[in-house]
Amino acid sequence: MRAAVCQDLPGHFGPISSSGIWNRVQNYKLDRIYFDIRQITTEIIDYCTKKSTLAGINIVPSWFNEDLAQAALRTTRKLNELGFVGAKAAAPCPILFDWEEHSIEKTAAGLKAWRATRQKRDTVWSMEPLQGGWVGDRQMREVIVPDKNLILMPQVYRSQMQPVAQDACYKDLLRFYPPGQVKLYYQSFQPYGPSSINYPPPEAWDGCVYDLEHLPL
């Protein structure tokens, strides 16, 4: 997977045809872009398809003061609005849930609620770094391990974009989950004074980058 999150399409890039997007897609060999659930449209999806790039949905439940189960239902409704129903119900549109609450019960319930409506959709759950202590709980493993279309993606940065050792984040979940089910959520910048230091993800990276705007050209 070579993905990036587009945080604010109109504010950062303007129309989906912006060269700022597609130069980065080409330079970093991106195969998918996750767009804010409030901004993604059928036009965006269709344009990305023409560019041989998957357009997906990024949702942070806290945006709506929701838990993961509520966000799952919101995402299902959005997929319906975008036309992923009937013969097109299984058409590609990957989902990224950025869910950071440390709750076994809410997370397991949310993942079950999601799969009750979208059983096989390509899905990523991103969480804070070094959460293996509870993410590896037996109740969690019972829900996650059988789900072959779910990727766990620990962030390799803290809330203020402070970096965390990537190998530690990866190994933290490998104690409980197979290698194919774990990828990393990289940062493309770090605040420095009044501005930011932008830098690309490491060579041979596999996962998603936050965010597309800060990927240097």
Protein backbone atom coordinates (compact mmCIF):
# COMPACT_ATOMS: atom_id res chain seq x y z
CA MET A 1 0.00 0.00 0.00
CA ARG A 2 1.20 3.50 -0.90
CA ALA A 3 -1.43 5.89 0.43
CA ALA A 4 -1.74 9.48 1.58
CA VAL A 5 -4.47 11.41 3.36
CA CYS A 6 -5.75 14.58 1.69
CA GLN A 7 -6.74 16.72 4.66
CA ASP A 8 -8.53 19.60 2.97
CA LEU A 9 -8.92 19.31 -0.77
CA PRO A 10 -10.40 22.78 -1.53
CA GLY A 11 -8.18 24.60 0.97
CA HIS A 12 -4.90 22.94 0.02
CA PHE A 13 -5.25 22.02 -3.63
CA GLY A 14 -8.48 23.31 -5.12
CA PRO A 15 -10.06 21.03 -7.76
CA ILE A 16 -9.23 17.33 -7.86
CA SER A 17 -7.35 17.93 -11.13
CA SER A 18 -4.75 20.08 -9.35
CA SER A 19 -1.18 19.35 -10.41
CA GLY A 20 -0.18 19.56 -6.75
CA ILE A 21 -2.01 16.30 -6.14
CA TRP A 22 -0.92 14.37 -9.19
CA ASN A 23 2.73 15.39 -9.09
CA ARG A 24 2.84 13.91 -5.59
CA VAL A 25 0.98 10.79 -6.68
CA GLN A 26 3.57 10.26 -9.39
CA ASN A 27 6.63 11.17 -7.32
CA TYR A 28 5.68 8.90 -4.42
CA LYS A 29 4.00 6.19 -6.52
CA LEU A 30 0.79 6.50 -4.53
CA ASP A 31 -1.89 3.93 -5.26
CA ARG A 32 -4.63 5.54 -3.18
CA ILE A 33 -5.69 8.83 -1.61
CA TYR A 34 -8.00 9.04 1.38
CA PHE A 35 -10.32 12.07 1.28
CA ASP A 36 -12.28 13.61 4.15
CA ILE A 37 -15.71 11.97 4.37
CA ARG A 38 -17.23 15.47 4.26
CA GLN A 39 -15.48 16.31 0.97
CA ILE A 40 -15.35 13.16 -1.14
CA THR A 41 -17.71 13.06 -4.13
CA THR A 42 -18.46 10.79 -7.05
CA GLU A 43 -16.55 13.27 -9.24
CA ILE A 44 -13.44 12.83 -7.10
CA ILE A 45 -13.77 9.06 -7.22
CA ASP A 46 -14.27 9.03 -10.99
CA TYR A 47 -11.33 11.36 -11.63
CA CYS A 48 -9.03 9.24 -9.47
CA THR A 49 -10.17 6.13 -11.33
CA LYS A 50 -9.14 7.77 -14.61
CA LYS A 51 -5.73 8.32 -13.03
CA SER A 52 -5.53 4.65 -11.94
CA THR A 53 -5.62 5.72 -8.30
CA LEU A 54 -8.08 4.60 -5.64
CA ALA A 55 -10.10 7.30 -3.88
CA GLY A 56 -11.00 6.34 -0.34
CA ILE A 57 -12.77 7.79 2.68
CA ASN A 58 -10.95 9.09 5.75
CA ILE A 59 -13.07 9.54 8.88
CA VAL A 60 -12.13 10.57 12.41
CA PRO A 61 -15.12 9.74 14.66
CA SER A 62 -14.30 12.57 17.06
CA TRP A 63 -15.07 15.07 14.27
CA PHE A 64 -18.72 14.20 14.88
CA ASN A 65 -18.53 13.40 18.60
CA GLU A 66 -19.20 9.79 17.70
CA ASP A 67 -17.78 6.45 18.73
CA LEU A 68 -16.50 3.93 16.19
CA ALA A 69 -19.85 2.15 15.81
CA GLN A 70 -21.62 5.42 15.02
CA ALA A 71 -18.86 6.41 12.60
CA ALA A 72 -19.22 3.02 10.90
CA LEU A 73 -22.91 3.68 10.25
CA ARG A 74 -22.11 7.20 9.02
CA THR A 75 -19.57 5.75 6.60
CA THR A 76 -22.04 3.17 5.33
CA ARG A 77 -24.57 5.92 4.65
CA LYS A 78 -21.89 7.90 2.81
CA LEU A 79 -21.04 4.90 0.65
CA ASN A 80 -24.73 4.57 -0.18
CA GLU A 81 -24.85 8.26 -1.16
CA LEU A 82 -21.82 7.74 -3.40
CA GLY A 83 -23.57 4.91 -5.22
CA PHE A 84 -21.93 1.88 -3.65
CA VAL A 85 -25.15 -0.10 -3.63
CA GLY A 86 -26.64 -2.91 -5.66
CA ALA A 87 -24.34 -4.13 -8.43
CA LYS A 88 -21.76 -1.52 -7.39
CA ALA A 89 -21.84 -2.36 -3.68
CA ALA A 90 -18.43 -4.05 -3.80
CA ALA A 91 -16.72 -1.52 -6.10
CA PRO A 92 -13.41 -0.19 -4.72
CA CYS A 93 -13.50 2.61 -2.17
CA PRO A 94 -11.15 1.89 0.75
CA ILE A 95 -11.93 3.23 4.23
CA LEU A 96 -9.61 4.68 6.87
CA PHE A 97 -10.96 4.95 10.42
CA ASP A 98 -8.71 7.17 12.53
CA TRP A 99 -10.03 5.99 15.90
CA GLU A 100 -7.80 6.74 18.87
CA GLU A 101 -9.92 6.04 21.96
CA HIS A 102 -8.36 3.37 24.20
CA SER A 103 -11.41 1.17 24.64
CA ILE A 104 -11.55 -2.55 23.92
CA GLU A 105 -15.33 -2.62 24.19
CA LYS A 106 -16.02 0.38 21.92
CA THR A 107 -13.44 -0.67 19.35
CA ALA A 108 -14.59 -4.28 19.12
CA ALA A 109 -18.23 -3.14 18.93
CA GLY A 110 -17.36 -0.60 16.25
CA LEU A 111 -15.52 -3.09 14.08
CA LYS A 112 -18.43 -5.52 14.39
CA ALA A 113 -20.92 -2.78 13.50
CA TRP A 114 -18.86 -1.94 10.42
CA ARG A 115 -18.65 -5.50 9.20
CA ALA A 116 -22.37 -5.99 9.75
CA THR A 117 -22.95 -3.57 6.88
CA ARG A 118 -19.76 -3.73 4.77
CA GLN A 119 -18.39 -7.22 5.26
CA LYS A 120 -15.41 -7.24 2.92
CA ARG A 121 -14.56 -3.61 2.18
CA ASP A 122 -10.87 -2.70 2.21
CA THR A 123 -10.50 -1.07 5.64
CA VAL A 124 -7.75 0.45 7.76
CA TRP A 125 -7.98 1.18 11.46
CA SER A 126 -5.37 3.71 12.59
CA MET A 127 -4.52 4.19 16.25
CA GLU A 128 -1.93 5.97 18.36
CA PRO A 129 1.58 4.46 18.57
CA LEU A 130 2.54 1.65 20.94
CA GLN A 131 -0.97 0.52 21.85
CA GLY A 132 -0.29 -3.20 21.67
CA GLY A 133 -1.09 -3.66 25.34
CA TRP A 134 -4.83 -3.37 24.71
CA VAL A 135 -5.02 -3.72 20.93
CA GLY A 136 -3.57 -7.21 21.39
CA ASP A 137 -6.21 -8.23 23.95
CA ARG A 138 -7.92 -11.54 23.29
CA GLN A 139 -11.28 -9.85 22.62
CA MET A 140 -9.60 -7.69 20.00
CA ARG A 141 -7.77 -10.57 18.35
CA GLU A 142 -11.00 -12.54 18.04
CA VAL A 143 -12.49 -9.72 15.98
CA ILE A 144 -9.42 -8.63 14.02
CA VAL A 145 -7.43 -11.74 13.07
CA PRO A 146 -10.22 -13.40 11.03
CA ASP A 147 -10.87 -10.15 9.14
CA LYS A 148 -8.66 -10.52 6.08
CA ASN A 149 -9.68 -7.12 4.73
CA LEU A 150 -8.66 -5.13 7.82
CA ILE A 151 -5.27 -3.48 8.26
CA LEU A 152 -3.99 -2.17 11.59
CA MET A 153 -2.01 1.02 11.10
CA PRO A 154 -0.28 2.50 14.16
CA GLN A 155 0.78 6.12 13.82
CA VAL A 156 4.53 6.67 14.14
CA TYR A 157 4.03 10.11 15.65
CA ARG A 158 2.35 11.72 18.68
CA SER A 159 -0.34 14.39 18.80
CA GLN A 160 2.10 17.23 18.09
CA MET A 161 3.76 15.18 15.34
CA GLN A 162 6.68 14.13 17.55
CA PRO A 163 8.19 11.05 15.88
CA VAL A 164 8.11 7.61 17.47
CA ALA A 165 10.50 4.82 16.48
CA GLN A 166 8.96 3.07 13.49
CA ASP A 167 10.39 -0.36 14.25
CA ALA A 168 8.98 -0.19 17.77
CA CYS A 169 5.49 0.68 16.49
CA TYR A 170 5.61 -2.21 14.03
CA LYS A 171 6.95 -4.80 16.46
CA ASP A 172 4.47 -3.68 19.10
CA LEU A 173 1.59 -5.17 17.08
CA LEU A 174 3.53 -8.07 15.55
CA ARG A 175 3.40 -9.68 18.97
CA PHE A 176 -0.29 -10.31 18.32
CA TYR A 177 -1.01 -9.98 14.60
CA PRO A 178 0.44 -11.40 11.36
CA PRO A 179 2.86 -9.15 9.40
CA GLY A 180 0.42 -8.77 6.50
CA GLN A 181 -2.14 -7.17 8.80
CA VAL A 182 0.13 -4.40 10.12
CA LYS A 183 1.32 -1.33 8.22
CA LEU A 184 2.52 2.08 9.39
CA TYR A 185 1.00 5.57 9.35
CA TYR A 186 3.89 7.94 8.60
CA GLN A 187 4.20 11.69 9.10
CA SER A 188 5.23 14.01 6.28
CA PHE A 189 6.11 16.96 8.48
CA GLN A 190 7.04 18.11 11.96
CA PRO A 191 6.24 21.57 13.35
CA TYR A 192 9.31 23.72 13.89
CA GLY A 193 8.77 27.19 15.27
CA PRO A 194 6.26 29.15 13.17
CA SER A 195 6.62 26.75 10.21
CA SER A 196 7.11 23.04 9.55
CA ILE A 197 9.89 20.76 8.43
CA ASN A 198 8.62 18.68 5.52
CA TYR A 199 10.18 15.34 4.69
CA PRO A 200 9.23 12.28 2.66
CA PRO A 201 8.53 8.86 4.14
CA PRO A 202 11.51 6.46 4.35
CA GLU A 203 12.69 4.35 1.44
CA ALA A 204 10.63 1.19 0.81
CA TRP A 205 7.75 2.47 2.96
CA ASP A 206 4.47 0.57 3.09
CA GLY A 207 1.36 2.17 4.53
CA CYS A 208 -0.13 5.67 4.60
CA VAL A 209 1.26 9.20 4.95
CA TYR A 210 -0.25 12.08 6.87
CA ASP A 211 -0.65 14.19 4.86
CA LEU A 212 -0.52 14.74 1.10
CA GLU A 213 -0.08 18.52 1.31
CA HIS A 214 3.20 18.29 3.21
CA LEU A 215 4.88 15.73 0.97
CA PRO A 216 7.78 17.68 -0.55
CA LEU A 217 8.06 17.79 -4.34
